[in-house]
Amino acid sequence: MLASILSLRPDVVVTVLEDSAVLLDLQTKFFYSVNSTGWLIVQLLENGTSKNGIIDRCSAWGAPNMEIDRIESFLQVFLTDGMVTVAEGSPADADIQFKGPWTAPVVEKHKEPLQRIMVSAFDPSLPLAE
């Protein structure tokens, strides 16, 4: 049976930080931070999976049923900001191991895009190093 497959766009760059991650959307230049369970979900999205596949996997990792809304809210950030693509097909079966107690997935979109954080050495408004 074909399902809607959610996949992280190829131009979303992920940097792993111990058990969490930072994502950079190269289209919008916005950064996103995810906690350990958020990183697990991002790994599922990197491989392509369905919304139900994510919920089922989170339940297997210890997510209580009452956390389904928080998982869906986490996914909604990615959908709303266009960081995932939606296609029809069969989900991939990713072997992602979870160690530790379950915590609700958290994604934080940083307030400033990269072009406002980065400073160019060629910016004429900056003083020259002496």
N, C-alpha and C. Protein backbone atom coordinates (compact mmCIF):
# COMPACT_ATOMS: atom_id res chain seq x y z
N MET A 1 0.84 -1.19 0.00
CA MET A 1 0.00 0.00 0.00
C MET A 1 0.88 1.25 0.00
N LEU A 2 0.56 2.19 -0.87
CA LEU A 2 1.32 3.42 -0.96
C LEU A 2 0.83 4.41 0.09
N ALA A 3 1.76 5.15 0.66
CA ALA A 3 1.44 6.15 1.67
C ALA A 3 2.15 7.43 1.31
N SER A 4 1.75 8.53 1.96
CA SER A 4 2.47 9.79 1.78
C SER A 4 3.79 9.67 2.50
N ILE A 5 4.87 9.80 1.74
CA ILE A 5 6.21 9.68 2.29
C ILE A 5 6.76 11.07 2.53
N LEU A 6 7.23 11.30 3.73
CA LEU A 6 7.87 12.55 4.10
C LEU A 6 9.37 12.35 4.04
N SER A 7 10.05 13.24 3.33
CA SER A 7 11.51 13.16 3.21
C SER A 7 12.10 14.53 3.44
N LEU A 8 13.19 14.57 4.18
CA LEU A 8 13.91 15.81 4.39
C LEU A 8 14.46 16.26 3.04
N ARG A 9 14.27 17.54 2.71
CA ARG A 9 14.80 18.05 1.44
C ARG A 9 16.31 17.88 1.41
N PRO A 10 16.89 17.61 0.24
CA PRO A 10 18.34 17.41 0.14
C PRO A 10 19.14 18.66 0.48
N ASP A 11 18.52 19.85 0.40
CA ASP A 11 19.26 21.07 0.71
C ASP A 11 19.04 21.54 2.15
N VAL A 12 18.63 20.61 3.01
CA VAL A 12 18.62 20.85 4.45
C VAL A 12 19.82 20.10 5.00
N VAL A 13 20.77 20.85 5.55
CA VAL A 13 22.03 20.30 6.03
C VAL A 13 21.91 20.03 7.53
N VAL A 14 22.33 18.83 7.93
CA VAL A 14 22.23 18.43 9.34
C VAL A 14 23.63 18.30 9.93
N THR A 15 23.81 18.87 11.11
CA THR A 15 25.05 18.72 11.87
C THR A 15 24.68 18.10 13.21
N VAL A 16 25.29 16.95 13.50
CA VAL A 16 24.99 16.23 14.73
C VAL A 16 25.85 16.79 15.86
N LEU A 17 25.21 17.03 17.00
CA LEU A 17 25.88 17.51 18.20
C LEU A 17 25.57 16.52 19.32
N GLU A 18 26.48 15.60 19.58
CA GLU A 18 26.27 14.51 20.55
C GLU A 18 24.98 13.78 20.24
N ASP A 19 23.93 14.00 21.03
CA ASP A 19 22.68 13.28 20.77
C ASP A 19 21.57 14.19 20.25
N SER A 20 21.91 15.41 19.83
CA SER A 20 20.95 16.32 19.22
C SER A 20 21.51 16.77 17.87
N ALA A 21 20.87 17.74 17.24
CA ALA A 21 21.34 18.18 15.93
C ALA A 21 20.91 19.61 15.65
N VAL A 22 21.62 20.23 14.72
CA VAL A 22 21.27 21.54 14.19
C VAL A 22 21.06 21.36 12.70
N LEU A 23 20.00 21.93 12.18
CA LEU A 23 19.68 21.84 10.76
C LEU A 23 19.76 23.24 10.16
N LEU A 24 20.30 23.34 8.97
CA LEU A 24 20.34 24.59 8.22
C LEU A 24 19.59 24.39 6.92
N ASP A 25 18.54 25.17 6.74
CA ASP A 25 17.78 25.16 5.49
C ASP A 25 18.51 26.09 4.53
N LEU A 26 19.14 25.53 3.51
CA LEU A 26 19.93 26.32 2.58
C LEU A 26 19.09 27.24 1.71
N GLN A 27 17.78 26.99 1.60
CA GLN A 27 16.91 27.89 0.83
C GLN A 27 16.62 29.16 1.62
N THR A 28 16.21 28.99 2.87
CA THR A 28 15.80 30.14 3.69
C THR A 28 16.93 30.66 4.55
N LYS A 29 17.97 29.86 4.74
CA LYS A 29 19.13 30.18 5.59
C LYS A 29 18.77 30.22 7.08
N PHE A 30 17.67 29.61 7.47
CA PHE A 30 17.30 29.53 8.88
C PHE A 30 17.87 28.27 9.51
N PHE A 31 18.27 28.41 10.77
CA PHE A 31 18.76 27.29 11.57
C PHE A 31 17.63 26.75 12.43
N TYR A 32 17.68 25.45 12.68
CA TYR A 32 16.73 24.78 13.58
C TYR A 32 17.54 23.87 14.50
N SER A 33 17.20 23.86 15.78
CA SER A 33 17.82 22.94 16.73
C SER A 33 16.78 21.90 17.11
N VAL A 34 17.22 20.64 17.20
CA VAL A 34 16.33 19.57 17.65
C VAL A 34 17.01 18.83 18.81
N ASN A 35 16.19 18.33 19.73
CA ASN A 35 16.73 17.56 20.85
C ASN A 35 16.96 16.11 20.41
N SER A 36 17.27 15.25 21.35
CA SER A 36 17.66 13.87 21.00
C SER A 36 16.54 13.10 20.29
N THR A 37 15.31 13.21 20.76
CA THR A 37 14.23 12.49 20.08
C THR A 37 13.87 13.18 18.77
N GLY A 38 14.04 14.48 18.71
CA GLY A 38 13.85 15.19 17.45
C GLY A 38 14.86 14.74 16.42
N TRP A 39 16.10 14.50 16.85
CA TRP A 39 17.15 14.00 15.96
C TRP A 39 16.78 12.62 15.43
N LEU A 40 16.18 11.78 16.26
CA LEU A 40 15.74 10.47 15.80
C LEU A 40 14.71 10.60 14.69
N ILE A 41 13.77 11.52 14.87
CA ILE A 41 12.73 11.73 13.86
C ILE A 41 13.34 12.29 12.58
N VAL A 42 14.30 13.20 12.71
CA VAL A 42 14.98 13.74 11.53
C VAL A 42 15.68 12.62 10.77
N GLN A 43 16.28 11.68 11.49
CA GLN A 43 16.93 10.54 10.82
C GLN A 43 15.91 9.73 10.03
N LEU A 44 14.72 9.55 10.59
CA LEU A 44 13.66 8.85 9.86
C LEU A 44 13.29 9.63 8.60
N LEU A 45 13.21 10.97 8.72
CA LEU A 45 12.88 11.81 7.58
C LEU A 45 13.97 11.77 6.51
N GLU A 46 15.22 11.65 6.93
CA GLU A 46 16.32 11.55 5.97
C GLU A 46 16.17 10.31 5.09
N ASN A 47 15.61 9.25 5.65
CA ASN A 47 15.43 8.00 4.92
C ASN A 47 14.10 7.92 4.19
N GLY A 48 13.17 8.79 4.53
CA GLY A 48 11.83 8.76 3.94
C GLY A 48 10.92 7.85 4.72
N THR A 49 9.87 8.40 5.26
CA THR A 49 8.93 7.63 6.07
C THR A 49 7.57 8.31 6.04
N SER A 50 6.58 7.61 6.52
CA SER A 50 5.24 8.18 6.60
C SER A 50 5.01 8.77 8.00
N LYS A 51 4.01 9.60 8.11
CA LYS A 51 3.65 10.17 9.42
C LYS A 51 3.32 9.05 10.39
N ASN A 52 2.56 8.05 9.94
CA ASN A 52 2.22 6.93 10.80
C ASN A 52 3.45 6.11 11.17
N GLY A 53 4.40 6.02 10.23
CA GLY A 53 5.64 5.31 10.52
C GLY A 53 6.43 5.99 11.62
N ILE A 54 6.43 7.33 11.61
CA ILE A 54 7.11 8.09 12.66
C ILE A 54 6.43 7.86 14.00
N ILE A 55 5.12 7.94 14.02
CA ILE A 55 4.37 7.75 15.28
C ILE A 55 4.57 6.33 15.80
N ASP A 56 4.52 5.34 14.91
CA ASP A 56 4.73 3.95 15.33
C ASP A 56 6.13 3.75 15.90
N ARG A 57 7.14 4.33 15.24
CA ARG A 57 8.51 4.18 15.71
C ARG A 57 8.69 4.88 17.06
N CYS A 58 8.10 6.07 17.22
CA CYS A 58 8.19 6.79 18.49
C CYS A 58 7.52 5.99 19.61
N SER A 59 6.41 5.36 19.31
CA SER A 59 5.74 4.51 20.31
C SER A 59 6.64 3.34 20.69
N ALA A 60 7.30 2.75 19.72
CA ALA A 60 8.22 1.64 20.01
C ALA A 60 9.40 2.11 20.86
N TRP A 61 9.78 3.38 20.71
CA TRP A 61 10.89 3.94 21.49
C TRP A 61 10.44 4.38 22.89
N GLY A 62 9.14 4.28 23.17
CA GLY A 62 8.66 4.59 24.51
C GLY A 62 7.79 5.81 24.63
N ALA A 63 7.40 6.42 23.52
CA ALA A 63 6.53 7.60 23.59
C ALA A 63 5.14 7.19 24.05
N PRO A 64 4.64 7.84 25.10
CA PRO A 64 3.27 7.53 25.52
C PRO A 64 2.25 8.06 24.50
N ASN A 65 1.08 7.46 24.47
CA ASN A 65 0.04 7.87 23.51
C ASN A 65 -0.31 9.35 23.62
N MET A 66 -0.20 9.89 24.82
CA MET A 66 -0.55 11.30 25.00
C MET A 66 0.44 12.24 24.32
N GLU A 67 1.57 11.73 23.86
CA GLU A 67 2.59 12.56 23.21
C GLU A 67 2.42 12.61 21.69
N ILE A 68 1.43 11.93 21.16
CA ILE A 68 1.23 11.93 19.71
C ILE A 68 1.02 13.35 19.20
N ASP A 69 0.28 14.17 19.95
CA ASP A 69 0.06 15.56 19.52
C ASP A 69 1.37 16.32 19.45
N ARG A 70 2.28 16.07 20.38
CA ARG A 70 3.58 16.76 20.37
C ARG A 70 4.44 16.30 19.20
N ILE A 71 4.34 15.02 18.86
CA ILE A 71 5.07 14.50 17.70
C ILE A 71 4.52 15.14 16.43
N GLU A 72 3.19 15.22 16.33
CA GLU A 72 2.58 15.84 15.16
C GLU A 72 2.92 17.33 15.07
N SER A 73 2.99 18.02 16.20
CA SER A 73 3.38 19.43 16.21
C SER A 73 4.82 19.60 15.74
N PHE A 74 5.69 18.68 16.17
CA PHE A 74 7.08 18.68 15.73
C PHE A 74 7.13 18.56 14.20
N LEU A 75 6.41 17.58 13.65
CA LEU A 75 6.38 17.38 12.20
C LEU A 75 5.79 18.58 11.47
N GLN A 76 4.80 19.23 12.08
CA GLN A 76 4.14 20.36 11.43
C GLN A 76 5.10 21.51 11.18
N VAL A 77 6.08 21.71 12.05
CA VAL A 77 7.09 22.75 11.83
C VAL A 77 7.83 22.47 10.52
N PHE A 78 8.22 21.23 10.32
CA PHE A 78 8.95 20.85 9.11
C PHE A 78 8.07 21.00 7.86
N LEU A 79 6.80 20.65 7.98
CA LEU A 79 5.87 20.77 6.85
C LEU A 79 5.58 22.24 6.55
N THR A 80 5.28 23.02 7.57
CA THR A 80 4.95 24.43 7.39
C THR A 80 6.12 25.21 6.80
N ASP A 81 7.33 24.92 7.26
CA ASP A 81 8.51 25.63 6.78
C ASP A 81 9.09 25.01 5.50
N GLY A 82 8.43 23.98 4.97
CA GLY A 82 8.84 23.39 3.70
C GLY A 82 10.16 22.64 3.73
N MET A 83 10.52 22.11 4.89
CA MET A 83 11.79 21.39 5.00
C MET A 83 11.68 19.94 4.60
N VAL A 84 10.47 19.47 4.39
CA VAL A 84 10.26 18.10 3.92
C VAL A 84 9.48 18.14 2.63
N THR A 85 9.70 17.12 1.82
CA THR A 85 8.90 16.94 0.62
C THR A 85 7.91 15.83 0.88
N VAL A 86 6.80 15.88 0.20
CA VAL A 86 5.77 14.86 0.34
C VAL A 86 5.61 14.17 -1.00
N ALA A 87 5.70 12.86 -0.99
CA ALA A 87 5.57 12.07 -2.22
C ALA A 87 4.80 10.80 -1.90
N GLU A 88 4.37 10.13 -2.92
CA GLU A 88 3.71 8.84 -2.75
C GLU A 88 4.74 7.74 -2.95
N GLY A 89 4.61 6.69 -2.20
CA GLY A 89 5.53 5.57 -2.36
C GLY A 89 5.55 4.70 -1.13
N SER A 90 6.56 3.88 -1.07
CA SER A 90 6.73 2.99 0.08
C SER A 90 7.82 3.55 0.98
N PRO A 91 7.56 3.59 2.28
CA PRO A 91 8.58 4.13 3.18
C PRO A 91 9.80 3.23 3.28
N ALA A 92 10.94 3.86 3.51
CA ALA A 92 12.18 3.10 3.71
C ALA A 92 12.19 2.55 5.13
N ASP A 93 12.89 1.46 5.33
CA ASP A 93 13.00 0.87 6.66
C ASP A 93 14.38 1.19 7.21
N ALA A 94 14.46 2.24 8.02
CA ALA A 94 15.73 2.68 8.57
C ALA A 94 15.97 2.01 9.92
N ASP A 95 17.17 1.52 10.13
CA ASP A 95 17.53 0.89 11.40
C ASP A 95 18.17 1.94 12.30
N ILE A 96 17.32 2.65 13.04
CA ILE A 96 17.79 3.72 13.92
C ILE A 96 17.56 3.27 15.36
N GLN A 97 18.64 3.23 16.11
CA GLN A 97 18.58 2.75 17.49
C GLN A 97 18.39 3.93 18.44
N PHE A 98 17.58 3.73 19.46
CA PHE A 98 17.33 4.75 20.47
C PHE A 98 17.83 4.26 21.81
N LYS A 99 18.64 5.09 22.46
CA LYS A 99 19.15 4.76 23.78
C LYS A 99 18.73 5.87 24.72
N GLY A 100 18.15 5.50 25.82
CA GLY A 100 17.79 6.51 26.81
C GLY A 100 16.30 6.62 27.01
N PRO A 101 15.91 7.41 27.98
CA PRO A 101 14.48 7.59 28.24
C PRO A 101 13.84 8.51 27.19
N TRP A 102 12.58 8.29 26.93
CA TRP A 102 11.85 9.09 25.97
C TRP A 102 11.62 10.49 26.52
N THR A 103 11.83 11.49 25.69
CA THR A 103 11.44 12.86 25.97
C THR A 103 10.72 13.37 24.74
N ALA A 104 9.81 14.29 24.92
CA ALA A 104 9.06 14.82 23.78
C ALA A 104 10.00 15.49 22.79
N PRO A 105 9.79 15.29 21.49
CA PRO A 105 10.66 15.94 20.50
C PRO A 105 10.44 17.45 20.50
N VAL A 106 11.54 18.18 20.38
CA VAL A 106 11.49 19.64 20.38
C VAL A 106 12.28 20.14 19.19
N VAL A 107 11.70 21.09 18.46
CA VAL A 107 12.40 21.79 17.40
C VAL A 107 12.30 23.28 17.69
N GLU A 108 13.42 23.97 17.57
CA GLU A 108 13.45 25.41 17.79
C GLU A 108 14.00 26.08 16.54
N LYS A 109 13.20 26.96 15.95
CA LYS A 109 13.66 27.73 14.80
C LYS A 109 14.35 28.98 15.35
N HIS A 110 15.58 29.19 14.94
CA HIS A 110 16.32 30.34 15.42
C HIS A 110 15.79 31.61 14.76
N LYS A 111 15.88 32.71 15.47
CA LYS A 111 15.23 33.95 15.05
C LYS A 111 15.87 34.63 13.85
N GLU A 112 17.17 34.47 13.69
CA GLU A 112 17.88 35.15 12.61
C GLU A 112 18.37 34.16 11.56
N PRO A 113 18.17 34.48 10.27
CA PRO A 113 18.73 33.62 9.22
C PRO A 113 20.24 33.80 9.16
N LEU A 114 20.90 32.88 8.49
CA LEU A 114 22.35 32.86 8.41
C LEU A 114 22.94 34.17 7.90
N GLN A 115 22.33 34.78 6.90
CA GLN A 115 22.91 35.99 6.34
C GLN A 115 22.90 37.15 7.33
N ARG A 116 22.12 37.08 8.38
CA ARG A 116 22.15 38.12 9.41
C ARG A 116 23.13 37.78 10.52
N ILE A 117 23.52 36.52 10.62
CA ILE A 117 24.47 36.09 11.64
C ILE A 117 25.89 36.20 11.12
N MET A 118 26.09 35.78 9.89
CA MET A 118 27.42 35.77 9.29
C MET A 118 27.84 37.19 8.90
N VAL A 119 29.08 37.48 9.09
CA VAL A 119 29.62 38.77 8.72
C VAL A 119 30.69 38.54 7.66
N SER A 120 30.63 39.29 6.60
CA SER A 120 31.60 39.14 5.54
C SER A 120 32.83 39.99 5.84
N ALA A 121 33.99 39.44 5.59
CA ALA A 121 35.24 40.19 5.77
C ALA A 121 35.32 41.33 4.76
N PHE A 122 34.52 41.29 3.72
CA PHE A 122 34.54 42.33 2.68
C PHE A 122 33.45 43.39 2.89
N ASP A 123 32.76 43.34 4.04
CA ASP A 123 31.72 44.30 4.35
C ASP A 123 32.36 45.66 4.64
N PRO A 124 32.09 46.71 3.83
CA PRO A 124 32.73 48.00 4.04
C PRO A 124 32.31 48.71 5.33
N SER A 125 31.24 48.26 5.94
CA SER A 125 30.80 48.92 7.18
C SER A 125 31.57 48.42 8.40
N LEU A 126 32.38 47.36 8.24
CA LEU A 126 33.17 46.83 9.36
C LEU A 126 34.53 47.51 9.39
N PRO A 127 35.03 47.79 10.61
CA PRO A 127 36.38 48.37 10.69
C PRO A 127 37.43 47.36 10.29
N LEU A 128 38.49 47.86 9.69
CA LEU A 128 39.60 46.98 9.29
C LEU A 128 40.45 46.60 10.49
N ALA A 129 40.96 45.39 10.49
CA ALA A 129 41.85 44.96 11.56
C ALA A 129 43.18 45.70 11.42
N GLU A 130 43.70 46.13 12.52
CA GLU A 130 44.98 46.87 12.46
C GLU A 130 46.11 46.06 13.02
